[in-house]
C-alpha atoms as a PDB file:
ATOM      1  CA  MET A   1       0.000   0.000   0.000  1.00  0.00           C
ATOM      2  CA  SER A   2       1.063   3.550  -0.555  1.00  0.00           C
ATOM      3  CA  ASN A   3       1.911   5.864   2.311  1.00  0.00           C
ATOM      4  CA  SER A   4      -1.193   8.001   1.760  1.00  0.00           C
ATOM      5  CA  VAL A   5      -3.460   4.943   1.942  1.00  0.00           C
ATOM      6  CA  ASP A   6      -1.678   3.765   5.094  1.00  0.00           C
ATOM      7  CA  ILE A   7      -2.224   7.197   6.645  1.00  0.00           C
ATOM      8  CA  LEU A   8      -5.924   7.124   5.748  1.00  0.00           C
ATOM      9  CA  ILE A   9      -6.279   3.650   7.243  1.00  0.00           C
ATOM     10  CA  ALA A  10      -4.455   4.740  10.400  1.00  0.00           C
ATOM     11  CA  CYS A  11      -6.805   7.743  10.681  1.00  0.00           C
ATOM     12  CA  ALA A  12      -9.827   5.485  10.189  1.00  0.00           C
ATOM     13  CA  GLY A  13      -8.345   3.223  12.866  1.00  0.00           C
ATOM     14  CA  PHE A  14      -8.125   6.233  15.174  1.00  0.00           C
ATOM     15  CA  VAL A  15     -11.849   6.932  14.687  1.00  0.00           C
ATOM     16  CA  VAL A  16     -12.814   3.282  15.199  1.00  0.00           C
ATOM     17  CA  PHE A  17     -10.723   2.951  18.355  1.00  0.00           C
ATOM     18  CA  PHE A  18     -11.963   6.290  19.694  1.00  0.00           C
ATOM     19  CA  LEU A  19     -15.499   4.902  19.408  1.00  0.00           C
ATOM     20  CA  TYR A  20     -14.302   1.665  21.005  1.00  0.00           C
ATOM     21  CA  ALA A  21     -12.773   3.703  23.858  1.00  0.00           C
ATOM     22  CA  SER A  22     -16.210   5.187  24.516  1.00  0.00           C
ATOM     23  CA  LEU A  23     -17.650   1.687  24.813  1.00  0.00           C
ATOM     24  CA  PHE A  24     -14.745   0.656  27.053  1.00  0.00           C
ATOM     25  CA  GLU A  25     -15.267   3.727  29.268  1.00  0.00           C
ATOM     26  CA  TYR A  26     -18.932   2.806  29.559  1.00  0.00           C
ATOM     27  CA  ALA A  27     -18.313  -0.865  30.372  1.00  0.00           C
ATOM     28  CA  PHE A  28     -15.528  -0.145  32.863  1.00  0.00           C
ATOM     29  CA  HIS A  29     -17.517   2.598  34.569  1.00  0.00           C
ATOM     30  CA  ARG A  30     -20.785   0.679  34.738  1.00  0.00           C
ATOM     31  CA  TRP A  31     -19.668  -2.873  35.379  1.00  0.00           C
ATOM     32  CA  VAL A  32     -16.355  -2.464  37.223  1.00  0.00           C
ATOM     33  CA  MET A  33     -16.472   0.912  38.994  1.00  0.00           C
ATOM     34  CA  HIS A  34     -20.116   0.613  40.083  1.00  0.00           C
ATOM     35  CA  ARG A  35     -20.087  -3.023  41.189  1.00  0.00           C
ATOM     36  CA  PRO A  36     -18.132  -4.665  43.968  1.00  0.00           C
ATOM     37  CA  TRP A  37     -15.875  -7.409  42.641  1.00  0.00           C
ATOM     38  CA  ARG A  38     -14.122  -9.704  45.075  1.00  0.00           C
ATOM     39  CA  VAL A  39     -11.214 -10.156  42.671  1.00  0.00           C
ATOM     40  CA  LEU A  40     -10.871  -6.444  41.842  1.00  0.00           C
ATOM     41  CA  PRO A  41     -12.322  -4.376  44.720  1.00  0.00           C
ATOM     42  CA  SER A  42     -10.285  -1.173  44.277  1.00  0.00           C
ATOM     43  CA  PRO A  43     -12.252   0.480  41.401  1.00  0.00           C
ATOM     44  CA  TYR A  44     -15.558   0.091  43.247  1.00  0.00           C
ATOM     45  CA  LYS A  45     -14.129   1.341  46.538  1.00  0.00           C
ATOM     46  CA  THR A  46     -12.374   4.376  45.067  1.00  0.00           C
ATOM     47  CA  HIS A  47     -15.134   5.309  42.660  1.00  0.00           C
ATOM     48  CA  THR A  48     -18.506   4.420  44.127  1.00  0.00           C
ATOM     49  CA  LEU A  49     -17.686   4.497  47.816  1.00  0.00           C
ATOM     50  CA  LEU A  50     -15.329   7.500  47.763  1.00  0.00           C
ATOM     51  CA  HIS A  51     -15.884   9.543  44.604  1.00  0.00           C
ATOM     52  CA  HIS A  52     -19.667   9.378  44.643  1.00  0.00           C
ATOM     53  CA  GLU A  53     -19.711   9.963  48.391  1.00  0.00           C
ATOM     54  CA  VAL A  54     -17.578  13.109  48.161  1.00  0.00           C
ATOM     55  CA  PHE A  55     -19.219  14.510  45.002  1.00  0.00           C
ATOM     56  CA  TYR A  56     -22.879  13.923  45.775  1.00  0.00           C
ATOM     57  CA  GLY A  57     -25.581  16.550  45.388  1.00  0.00           C
ATOM     58  CA  GLU A  58     -25.434  20.144  44.273  1.00  0.00           C
ATOM     59  CA  GLU A  59     -23.389  21.469  47.190  1.00  0.00           C
ATOM     60  CA  SER A  60     -20.577  18.931  47.018  1.00  0.00           C
ATOM     61  CA  PHE A  61     -20.565  18.086  43.272  1.00  0.00           C
ATOM     62  CA  GLN A  62     -17.807  20.617  42.684  1.00  0.00           C
ATOM     63  CA  GLY A  63     -15.035  19.657  45.068  1.00  0.00           C
ATOM     64  CA  ARG A  64     -13.451  22.704  46.613  1.00  0.00           C
ATOM     65  CA  ARG A  65     -11.124  21.026  49.106  1.00  0.00           C
ATOM     66  CA  THR A  66      -7.557  20.173  48.105  1.00  0.00           C
ATOM     67  CA  GLN A  67      -7.950  16.560  49.210  1.00  0.00           C
ATOM     68  CA  ASP A  68     -10.931  16.151  46.846  1.00  0.00           C
ATOM     69  CA  ARG A  69      -8.524  16.221  43.893  1.00  0.00           C
ATOM     70  CA  ASP A  70      -7.391  12.705  44.715  1.00  0.00           C
ATOM     71  CA  ARG A  71     -10.964  11.484  44.445  1.00  0.00           C
ATOM     72  CA  ILE A  72     -11.389  12.740  40.863  1.00  0.00           C
ATOM     73  CA  LEU A  73      -8.401  11.494  38.900  1.00  0.00           C
ATOM     74  CA  PHE A  74      -7.229   7.949  38.313  1.00  0.00           C
ATOM     75  CA  GLU A  75      -3.903   7.083  39.872  1.00  0.00           C
ATOM     76  CA  TRP A  76      -0.880   7.979  37.718  1.00  0.00           C
ATOM     77  CA  TRP A  77      -0.242   4.413  36.569  1.00  0.00           C
ATOM     78  CA  GLN A  78      -3.809   3.489  35.622  1.00  0.00           C
ATOM     79  CA  GLY A  79      -3.910   5.356  32.293  1.00  0.00           C
ATOM     80  CA  PRO A  80      -0.746   3.721  30.938  1.00  0.00           C
ATOM     81  CA  PHE A  81      -1.990   0.389  32.285  1.00  0.00           C
ATOM     82  CA  ILE A  82      -5.355   0.673  30.501  1.00  0.00           C
ATOM     83  CA  ILE A  83      -3.735   1.719  27.232  1.00  0.00           C
ATOM     84  CA  GLY A  84      -0.991  -0.889  27.545  1.00  0.00           C
ATOM     85  CA  ALA A  85      -3.517  -3.634  28.290  1.00  0.00           C
ATOM     86  CA  HIS A  86      -5.177  -2.884  24.941  1.00  0.00           C
ATOM     87  CA  ALA A  87      -1.906  -2.817  22.987  1.00  0.00           C
ATOM     88  CA  PRO A  88      -1.619  -6.596  22.400  1.00  0.00           C
ATOM     89  CA  ALA A  89      -5.173  -6.806  21.035  1.00  0.00           C
ATOM     90  CA  ILE A  90      -4.648  -3.799  18.759  1.00  0.00           C
ATOM     91  CA  TRP A  91      -1.327  -5.233  17.578  1.00  0.00           C
ATOM     92  CA  GLY A  92      -2.991  -8.613  16.993  1.00  0.00           C
ATOM     93  CA  LEU A  93      -5.749  -6.959  14.966  1.00  0.00           C
ATOM     94  CA  GLN A  94      -3.105  -5.260  12.844  1.00  0.00           C
ATOM     95  CA  LEU A  95      -1.330  -8.583  12.274  1.00  0.00           C
ATOM     96  CA  LEU A  96      -4.622 -10.337  11.510  1.00  0.00           C
ATOM     97  CA  THR A  97      -5.866  -7.740   9.008  1.00  0.00           C
ATOM     98  CA  GLY A  98      -2.555  -6.509   7.612  1.00  0.00           C
ATOM     99  CA  LEU A  99      -3.834  -2.951   8.105  1.00  0.00           C
ATOM    100  CA  PRO A 100      -1.782  -0.274   9.887  1.00  0.00           C
ATOM    101  CA  LEU A 101      -4.084   0.067  12.910  1.00  0.00           C
ATOM    102  CA  PHE A 102      -1.708  -0.080  15.847  1.00  0.00           C
ATOM    103  CA  TRP A 103      -0.591   3.534  16.229  1.00  0.00           C
ATOM    104  CA  GLY A 104      -3.985   4.983  15.345  1.00  0.00           C
ATOM    105  CA  GLY A 105      -5.545   2.690  17.960  1.00  0.00           C
ATOM    106  CA  ILE A 106      -2.995   3.485  20.669  1.00  0.00           C
ATOM    107  CA  VAL A 107      -3.227   7.235  20.019  1.00  0.00           C
ATOM    108  CA  ALA A 108      -7.050   7.075  20.077  1.00  0.00           C
ATOM    109  CA  MET A 109      -7.026   5.254  23.418  1.00  0.00           C
ATOM    110  CA  ALA A 110      -4.535   7.786  24.828  1.00  0.00           C
ATOM    111  CA  VAL A 111      -6.467  10.809  23.543  1.00  0.00           C
ATOM    112  CA  TYR A 112      -9.718   9.423  24.932  1.00  0.00           C
ATOM    113  CA  TYR A 113      -8.110   8.752  28.319  1.00  0.00           C
ATOM    114  CA  VAL A 114      -6.608  12.252  28.502  1.00  0.00           C
ATOM    115  CA  LEU A 115      -9.953  13.790  27.528  1.00  0.00           C
ATOM    116  CA  TYR A 116     -11.660  11.720  30.221  1.00  0.00           C
ATOM    117  CA  GLU A 117      -9.236  12.791  32.939  1.00  0.00           C
ATOM    118  CA  TYR A 118      -9.215  16.483  32.040  1.00  0.00           C
ATOM    119  CA  LEU A 119     -12.949  16.795  31.438  1.00  0.00           C
ATOM    120  CA  HIS A 120     -13.781  14.863  34.593  1.00  0.00           C
ATOM    121  CA  PHE A 121     -11.366  16.977  36.624  1.00  0.00           C
ATOM    122  CA  TYR A 122     -12.677  20.257  35.175  1.00  0.00           C
ATOM    123  CA  ILE A 123     -16.282  19.184  35.768  1.00  0.00           C
ATOM    124  CA  HIS A 124     -15.601  18.602  39.466  1.00  0.00           C
ATOM    125  CA  ARG A 125     -13.071  21.431  39.947  1.00  0.00           C
ATOM    126  CA  PRO A 126     -14.228  24.384  37.828  1.00  0.00           C
ATOM    127  CA  ALA A 127     -11.926  27.392  37.703  1.00  0.00           C
ATOM    128  CA  GLY A 128     -13.298  29.582  34.920  1.00  0.00           C
ATOM    129  CA  ARG A 129     -11.229  27.919  32.183  1.00  0.00           C
ATOM    130  CA  TRP A 130     -12.178  28.804  28.594  1.00  0.00           C
ATOM    131  CA  ILE A 131     -13.376  25.263  27.889  1.00  0.00           C
ATOM    132  CA  GLU A 132     -15.794  25.445  30.819  1.00  0.00           C
ATOM    133  CA  ARG A 133     -17.673  28.227  29.019  1.00  0.00           C
ATOM    134  CA  THR A 134     -18.302  26.165  25.875  1.00  0.00           C
ATOM    135  CA  ARG A 135     -21.694  24.673  25.165  1.00  0.00           C
ATOM    136  CA  ALA A 136     -20.216  21.187  24.713  1.00  0.00           C
ATOM    137  CA  PHE A 137     -18.506  21.285  28.116  1.00  0.00           C
ATOM    138  CA  ARG A 138     -21.601  22.585  29.893  1.00  0.00           C
ATOM    139  CA  TYR A 139     -23.591  19.741  28.305  1.00  0.00           C
ATOM    140  CA  LEU A 140     -21.054  17.099  29.419  1.00  0.00           C
ATOM    141  CA  ALA A 141     -20.967  18.599  32.923  1.00  0.00           C
ATOM    142  CA  ALA A 142     -24.778  18.473  33.135  1.00  0.00           C
ATOM    143  CA  ARG A 143     -24.768  14.833  31.978  1.00  0.00           C
ATOM    144  CA  HIS A 144     -22.184  13.943  34.619  1.00  0.00           C
ATOM    145  CA  ARG A 145     -24.053  15.829  37.336  1.00  0.00           C
ATOM    146  CA  HIS A 146     -27.144  13.795  36.356  1.00  0.00           C
ATOM    147  CA  HIS A 147     -25.059  10.614  36.700  1.00  0.00           C
ATOM    148  CA  HIS A 148     -24.114  11.606  40.238  1.00  0.00           C
ATOM    149  CA  ARG A 149     -27.785  12.099  41.130  1.00  0.00           C
ATOM    150  CA  LEU A 150     -29.018   8.969  39.341  1.00  0.00           C
ATOM    151  CA  TRP A 151     -25.933   6.778  39.144  1.00  0.00           C
ATOM    152  CA  ARG A 152     -27.505   4.127  36.898  1.00  0.00           C
ATOM    153  CA  THR A 153     -27.580   6.552  33.965  1.00  0.00           C
ATOM    154  CA  ASN A 154     -25.132   8.576  31.844  1.00  0.00           C
ATOM    155  CA  PHE A 155     -21.991   6.530  32.532  1.00  0.00           C
ATOM    156  CA  ASN A 156     -19.961   8.065  29.681  1.00  0.00           C
ATOM    157  CA  VAL A 157     -18.109  11.277  30.492  1.00  0.00           C
ATOM    158  CA  VAL A 158     -16.477  12.029  27.113  1.00  0.00           C
ATOM    159  CA  PHE A 159     -18.741  10.667  24.378  1.00  0.00           C
ATOM    160  CA  PRO A 160     -22.095   8.973  25.146  1.00  0.00           C
ATOM    161  CA  LEU A 161     -21.890   6.102  22.646  1.00  0.00           C
ATOM    162  CA  GLY A 162     -22.094   3.441  25.377  1.00  0.00           C
ATOM    163  CA  ASP A 163     -25.053   5.141  27.035  1.00  0.00           C
ATOM    164  CA  LEU A 164     -26.853   5.329  23.696  1.00  0.00           C
ATOM    165  CA  ALA A 165     -26.047   1.712  22.805  1.00  0.00           C
ATOM    166  CA  PHE A 166     -27.050   0.254  26.188  1.00  0.00           C
ATOM    167  CA  GLY A 167     -30.097   2.396  26.931  1.00  0.00           C
ATOM    168  CA  THR A 168     -28.722   4.381  29.863  1.00  0.00           C
ATOM    169  CA  PHE A 169     -28.574   7.726  28.048  1.00  0.00           C
ATOM    170  CA  ARG A 170     -30.715  10.370  29.715  1.00  0.00           C
ATOM    171  CA  PRO A 171     -31.048  13.795  28.103  1.00  0.00           C
ATOM    172  CA  VAL A 172     -30.266  16.784  30.268  1.00  0.00           C
ATOM    173  CA  THR A 173     -30.928  20.489  30.181  1.00  0.00           C
ATOM    174  CA  PHE A 174     -28.201  22.937  31.015  1.00  0.00           C
END
């Protein structure tokens, strides 16, 4: 294949894996972070028992205390772990199809993760940033606030593909 075709395929791979990342975010949030697992108790404890406890209701949804920061973000190693755990499957898909999907897939997973962390942090710790004034951000913040009130809905923070696919999407006004 020519370089321009390879680049187009890699870009298409980015889009496909970005959509996959939305489904992964949904599944991990709904079925790992909101359910106690004996084998993997940490996500449930840190997310449902701590994060939702600290950021519950209108008064506490926006964490103002310094210690609240640690209840918003994943730990430093979890992002690389999540992306790295997907690398063998993405590499295998590239080998299986012969298409240059690996780097587009890895970059999509990384971009999605960074968007998740920053958006989630900004939603809970607003500081008048330019992005916080955009319509898209205000919509995502309203969706997430709704999730904190009714935690069985609106699991996606970045892009609501999983919520739409699995019937947990709830429209919000903002």
